[in-house]
Amino acid sequence: MLEGEVAGTATHPLDNVRANALLLIDGDPDKLFGLSGIPGGLDLDAILDLIAKDAGEPIDHEARYGPVEIAAEPILDACEAMGGRLARAVADHERVVLATGHPVGLALLYHAIDRMLVDRGVEVLRLSNGTRWREPHLAHDWFVEHWGNVGVLTDGREPRHTHRPDVMRRMLDERRPDLVVADHGFAGAAIEAGVETLSIADVNDPALIVAKAQGRTDVVVVMDDHVKPGAYWPCLQAIASRL
C-alpha cells in the first residue's frame, strides 16, 4: 500500500484539500457530486476532521501547506467492508452497477471487481450504454460507454475524468439497481437517488465522506485515487477476502 502510494503521503497536498473543502462549503457543483444537503452546516474544521478520521491520520487545522497522510489500515478495513456487502449481493442475486469518473487510476480495480461479481453469478448492469448527447459549448458529443461492465463518460474517443452526476442520473433513468459501486459524481448521484452505494474517495474530494457522516452511505474507501492501476492490488485482495 505504501510502496504503491495508495496510502502514505497523498498526491493532493493540504492546500488543495483545504481549497476543495471550502469550495464544497460554497456549494460549488463540481465538488458536490450531485448531493443535496452538503455540507449540512459543517465548517472547514469539521470537514477536515471527517477527512482525517476516515483517512486514519490527523490533519493540522493551523497549517495551510504541507502533505496529507493516509493510513493503510482504514483503506483495507473499508475494502473488506465493501467485499462483505458485495458478498451479500452475490447471495441475494442483486443487480449491481459499476461506474467510475476516474478511468485512469481506478478502472482496472473496477474491472477486476466486475469479473469477480460476474464469475459469482451477479447481474452487472450496463445502463444507458451508448447514450449520446451534445452540449452547446462543445465541439464533441458525450457518450455513456462501458469497459466490460464498468460505466464511464467518454467523448467518443476516450474515457474522461469527471465529477459530473448527470451521467449516473441518465443511467438510473433506465433502471434502478440494488447496489452501485462508484466514485465522484457517479456515486454522489446514486446516493442522492437513494440507491445503496459503495464508493471510493480521495482526501481532496470530501463530498462522499460528508455523506457518510450524515448517515446516507455506509462504505467509503478513502485512499489516493490517482496512482498506478496495479497499486490497487492489495485493495482488490481485501475485497476478495470477503467475497
Protein backbone atom coordinates (compact mmCIF):
# COMPACT_ATOMS: atom_id res chain seq x y z
CA MET A 1 0.00 0.00 0.00
CA LEU A 2 2.76 2.43 0.92
CA GLU A 3 5.06 1.37 -1.88
CA GLY A 4 2.29 1.89 -4.44
CA GLU A 5 1.31 5.21 -2.77
CA VAL A 6 -2.32 4.21 -2.32
CA ALA A 7 -1.57 5.02 1.32
CA GLY A 8 1.10 7.28 2.79
CA THR A 9 1.56 10.82 1.55
CA ALA A 10 -1.40 11.74 -0.65
CA THR A 11 -0.93 13.10 -4.15
CA HIS A 12 -3.04 16.10 -3.18
CA PRO A 13 -1.37 18.41 -0.62
CA LEU A 14 -3.07 20.24 2.22
CA ASP A 15 -3.66 23.48 0.32
CA ASN A 16 -5.62 21.56 -2.31
CA VAL A 17 -7.58 19.61 0.31
CA ARG A 18 -8.48 22.83 2.14
CA ALA A 19 -9.39 24.65 -1.07
CA ASN A 20 -11.73 21.89 -2.23
CA ALA A 21 -13.37 21.70 1.19
CA LEU A 22 -14.01 25.45 1.04
CA LEU A 23 -15.47 25.09 -2.46
CA LEU A 24 -17.76 22.37 -1.10
CA ILE A 25 -18.91 24.74 1.64
CA ASP A 26 -19.55 27.40 -1.01
CA GLY A 27 -21.75 24.97 -2.95
CA ASP A 28 -19.54 24.50 -6.00
CA PRO A 29 -21.41 21.93 -8.15
CA ASP A 30 -18.11 20.34 -9.20
CA LYS A 31 -17.41 19.44 -5.58
CA LEU A 32 -20.96 18.48 -4.53
CA PHE A 33 -21.07 15.38 -6.77
CA GLY A 34 -24.83 15.83 -7.16
CA LEU A 35 -25.53 15.63 -3.42
CA SER A 36 -28.01 17.97 -1.77
CA GLY A 37 -27.70 18.97 1.88
CA ILE A 38 -23.90 19.01 1.65
CA PRO A 39 -22.04 20.02 3.77
CA GLY A 40 -25.05 20.43 6.06
CA GLY A 41 -23.71 23.30 8.14
CA LEU A 42 -20.27 21.81 8.66
CA ASP A 43 -17.40 24.28 8.66
CA LEU A 44 -13.89 23.75 7.32
CA ASP A 45 -12.51 22.37 10.58
CA ALA A 46 -15.35 19.86 10.85
CA ILE A 47 -14.81 18.67 7.29
CA LEU A 48 -11.07 18.33 7.84
CA ASP A 49 -11.82 16.25 10.93
CA LEU A 50 -14.05 13.92 8.89
CA ILE A 51 -11.36 13.50 6.26
CA ALA A 52 -8.73 12.82 8.94
CA LYS A 53 -10.99 10.29 10.66
CA ASP A 54 -11.62 8.26 7.50
CA ALA A 55 -8.02 8.62 6.29
CA GLY A 56 -6.72 7.46 9.68
CA GLU A 57 -4.23 10.31 10.03
CA PRO A 58 -4.55 13.74 11.72
CA ILE A 59 -4.74 17.00 9.78
CA ASP A 60 -3.30 20.14 11.37
CA HIS A 61 -6.02 22.80 11.29
CA GLU A 62 -3.49 25.58 11.69
CA ALA A 63 -1.34 24.53 8.73
CA ARG A 64 -2.02 25.88 5.25
CA TYR A 65 0.54 23.89 3.27
CA GLY A 66 2.23 20.54 3.52
CA PRO A 67 1.44 16.86 3.00
CA VAL A 68 -1.74 14.99 3.88
CA GLU A 69 -1.24 11.43 5.06
CA ILE A 70 -3.47 8.38 4.53
CA ALA A 71 -3.12 5.28 6.69
CA ALA A 72 -3.23 1.83 5.11
CA GLU A 73 -5.34 0.09 7.76
CA PRO A 74 -8.57 2.10 7.25
CA ILE A 75 -8.31 1.50 3.49
CA LEU A 76 -8.10 -2.25 3.97
CA ASP A 77 -10.89 -2.20 6.57
CA ALA A 78 -13.17 -0.28 4.18
CA CYS A 79 -12.27 -2.61 1.30
CA GLU A 80 -13.16 -5.59 3.46
CA ALA A 81 -16.48 -3.93 4.29
CA MET A 82 -17.04 -3.42 0.58
CA GLY A 83 -16.27 -7.07 -0.04
CA GLY A 84 -18.70 -8.11 2.68
CA ARG A 85 -21.51 -6.09 1.10
CA LEU A 86 -20.67 -7.48 -2.33
CA ALA A 87 -20.87 -10.99 -0.87
CA ARG A 88 -24.44 -10.21 0.15
CA ALA A 89 -25.13 -9.01 -3.38
CA VAL A 90 -23.94 -12.41 -4.61
CA ALA A 91 -26.04 -14.32 -2.07
CA ASP A 92 -29.17 -12.27 -2.77
CA HIS A 93 -28.77 -12.26 -6.58
CA GLU A 94 -28.76 -8.47 -6.65
CA ARG A 95 -28.38 -6.26 -9.70
CA VAL A 96 -25.24 -4.11 -9.46
CA VAL A 97 -23.92 -1.07 -11.34
CA LEU A 98 -20.21 -0.23 -11.54
CA ALA A 99 -19.05 3.19 -12.75
CA THR A 100 -16.04 5.45 -12.43
CA GLY A 101 -15.24 9.07 -13.10
CA HIS A 102 -11.56 8.28 -12.59
CA PRO A 103 -10.80 5.93 -15.50
CA VAL A 104 -7.01 6.25 -15.48
CA GLY A 105 -6.18 5.04 -11.99
CA LEU A 106 -9.24 3.15 -10.79
CA ALA A 107 -10.73 1.49 -13.87
CA LEU A 108 -8.61 -1.66 -13.50
CA LEU A 109 -9.84 -2.13 -9.92
CA TYR A 110 -13.45 -1.75 -11.02
CA HIS A 111 -12.88 -4.13 -13.91
CA ALA A 112 -11.49 -6.76 -11.52
CA ILE A 113 -14.50 -6.31 -9.21
CA ASP A 114 -16.74 -6.73 -12.25
CA ARG A 115 -15.05 -10.03 -13.15
CA MET A 116 -15.39 -11.34 -9.59
CA LEU A 117 -19.09 -10.48 -9.46
CA VAL A 118 -19.89 -11.92 -12.88
CA ASP A 119 -17.99 -15.12 -12.06
CA ARG A 120 -20.20 -15.47 -8.98
CA GLY A 121 -23.40 -15.04 -10.94
CA VAL A 122 -24.19 -11.37 -10.23
CA GLU A 123 -26.00 -9.40 -12.91
CA VAL A 124 -23.84 -6.31 -13.52
CA LEU A 125 -25.96 -3.86 -15.49
CA ARG A 126 -24.72 -1.79 -18.45
CA LEU A 127 -27.23 1.00 -18.06
CA SER A 128 -27.74 3.59 -20.82
CA ASN A 129 -24.85 2.14 -22.79
CA GLY A 130 -24.37 4.18 -25.97
CA THR A 131 -26.46 7.11 -24.77
CA ARG A 132 -25.26 10.23 -26.60
CA TRP A 133 -25.85 13.93 -26.10
CA ARG A 134 -24.40 17.27 -27.12
CA GLU A 135 -23.82 20.40 -25.06
CA PRO A 136 -23.96 23.72 -26.93
CA HIS A 137 -20.49 25.00 -26.00
CA LEU A 138 -18.62 21.82 -27.01
CA ALA A 139 -17.38 20.58 -30.36
CA HIS A 140 -17.95 16.93 -29.43
CA ASP A 141 -20.71 14.72 -28.07
CA TRP A 142 -20.73 12.94 -24.74
CA PHE A 143 -21.35 9.20 -24.50
CA VAL A 144 -22.13 6.69 -21.77
CA GLU A 145 -19.93 3.71 -22.57
CA HIS A 146 -18.69 0.64 -20.71
CA TRP A 147 -15.36 -1.10 -20.34
CA GLY A 148 -16.59 -4.59 -19.68
CA ASN A 149 -19.45 -3.67 -17.37
CA VAL A 150 -17.82 -0.55 -15.88
CA GLY A 151 -19.63 2.62 -16.88
CA VAL A 152 -17.60 5.66 -17.93
CA LEU A 153 -18.16 9.02 -19.61
CA THR A 154 -16.38 9.36 -22.96
CA ASP A 155 -16.06 11.98 -25.67
CA GLY A 156 -16.37 9.28 -28.33
CA ARG A 157 -12.64 8.66 -28.33
CA GLU A 158 -11.52 8.03 -24.77
CA PRO A 159 -12.87 7.85 -21.20
CA ARG A 160 -12.86 11.18 -19.38
CA HIS A 161 -12.15 12.14 -15.79
CA THR A 162 -15.37 13.62 -14.46
CA HIS A 163 -17.15 14.74 -11.31
CA ARG A 164 -20.47 15.07 -13.14
CA PRO A 165 -23.53 13.48 -11.50
CA ASP A 166 -25.77 13.69 -14.57
CA VAL A 167 -24.17 10.63 -16.18
CA MET A 168 -25.34 8.38 -13.35
CA ARG A 169 -28.74 10.09 -13.44
CA ARG A 170 -29.07 9.05 -17.08
CA MET A 171 -28.11 5.51 -16.12
CA LEU A 172 -30.63 5.36 -13.29
CA ASP A 173 -33.36 6.67 -15.58
CA GLU A 174 -33.14 3.36 -17.42
CA ARG A 175 -33.28 1.07 -14.40
CA ARG A 176 -32.75 1.16 -10.66
CA PRO A 177 -30.15 -1.34 -9.43
CA ASP A 178 -29.92 -2.84 -5.97
CA LEU A 179 -26.37 -1.61 -5.44
CA VAL A 180 -23.91 0.84 -7.00
CA VAL A 181 -20.12 0.74 -6.74
CA ALA A 182 -18.70 4.04 -7.95
CA ASP A 183 -16.85 7.28 -7.23
CA HIS A 184 -17.12 11.01 -7.88
CA GLY A 185 -20.48 12.18 -9.27
CA PHE A 186 -21.46 8.65 -10.25
CA ALA A 187 -21.51 7.76 -6.55
CA GLY A 188 -23.00 11.08 -5.42
CA ALA A 189 -25.93 10.84 -7.83
CA ALA A 190 -26.65 7.27 -6.75
CA ILE A 191 -26.60 8.23 -3.08
CA GLU A 192 -28.84 11.21 -3.82
CA ALA A 193 -31.29 8.88 -5.59
CA GLY A 194 -31.41 6.64 -2.53
CA VAL A 195 -29.57 3.71 -4.11
CA GLU A 196 -27.25 1.89 -1.73
CA THR A 197 -23.73 2.83 -2.79
CA LEU A 198 -20.20 1.65 -2.07
CA SER A 199 -17.74 4.35 -3.04
CA ILE A 200 -14.14 5.46 -3.29
CA ALA A 201 -13.00 8.99 -2.38
CA ASP A 202 -9.69 10.81 -2.25
CA VAL A 203 -8.86 13.22 0.57
CA ASN A 204 -9.44 16.24 -1.67
CA ASP A 205 -12.99 15.15 -2.58
CA PRO A 206 -14.87 15.26 0.73
CA ALA A 207 -18.49 15.16 -0.53
CA LEU A 208 -18.85 11.39 -0.18
CA ILE A 209 -17.07 11.48 3.18
CA VAL A 210 -19.58 14.06 4.41
CA ALA A 211 -22.46 11.97 3.04
CA LYS A 212 -21.17 9.02 5.07
CA ALA A 213 -21.02 11.17 8.21
CA GLN A 214 -24.64 12.17 7.53
CA GLY A 215 -25.65 8.51 7.50
CA ARG A 216 -26.55 8.48 3.81
CA THR A 217 -23.99 5.84 2.82
CA ASP A 218 -22.06 3.25 4.80
CA VAL A 219 -18.87 2.39 2.93
CA VAL A 220 -16.46 4.99 1.55
CA VAL A 221 -12.91 3.84 0.83
CA VAL A 222 -10.68 6.88 1.41
CA MET A 223 -7.42 6.47 -0.47
CA ASP A 224 -5.30 8.10 -3.13
CA ASP A 225 -7.25 7.65 -6.37
CA HIS A 226 -4.52 8.86 -8.71
CA VAL A 227 -1.73 6.27 -8.64
CA LYS A 228 -0.73 3.45 -10.98
CA PRO A 229 -3.57 0.98 -11.60
CA GLY A 230 -1.57 -2.01 -10.37
CA ALA A 231 -1.02 -0.35 -6.99
CA TYR A 232 -4.62 -1.15 -6.01
CA TRP A 233 -3.91 -4.89 -5.93
CA PRO A 234 -3.96 -5.02 -2.08
CA CYS A 235 -7.38 -3.33 -2.17
CA LEU A 236 -8.68 -6.00 -4.52
CA GLN A 237 -7.25 -8.71 -2.29
CA ALA A 238 -9.04 -7.21 0.72
CA ILE A 239 -12.32 -7.05 -1.20
CA ALA A 240 -11.91 -10.61 -2.48
CA SER A 241 -11.18 -11.90 1.03
CA ARG A 242 -14.82 -11.27 1.96
CA LEU A 243 -16.28 -12.50 -1.31
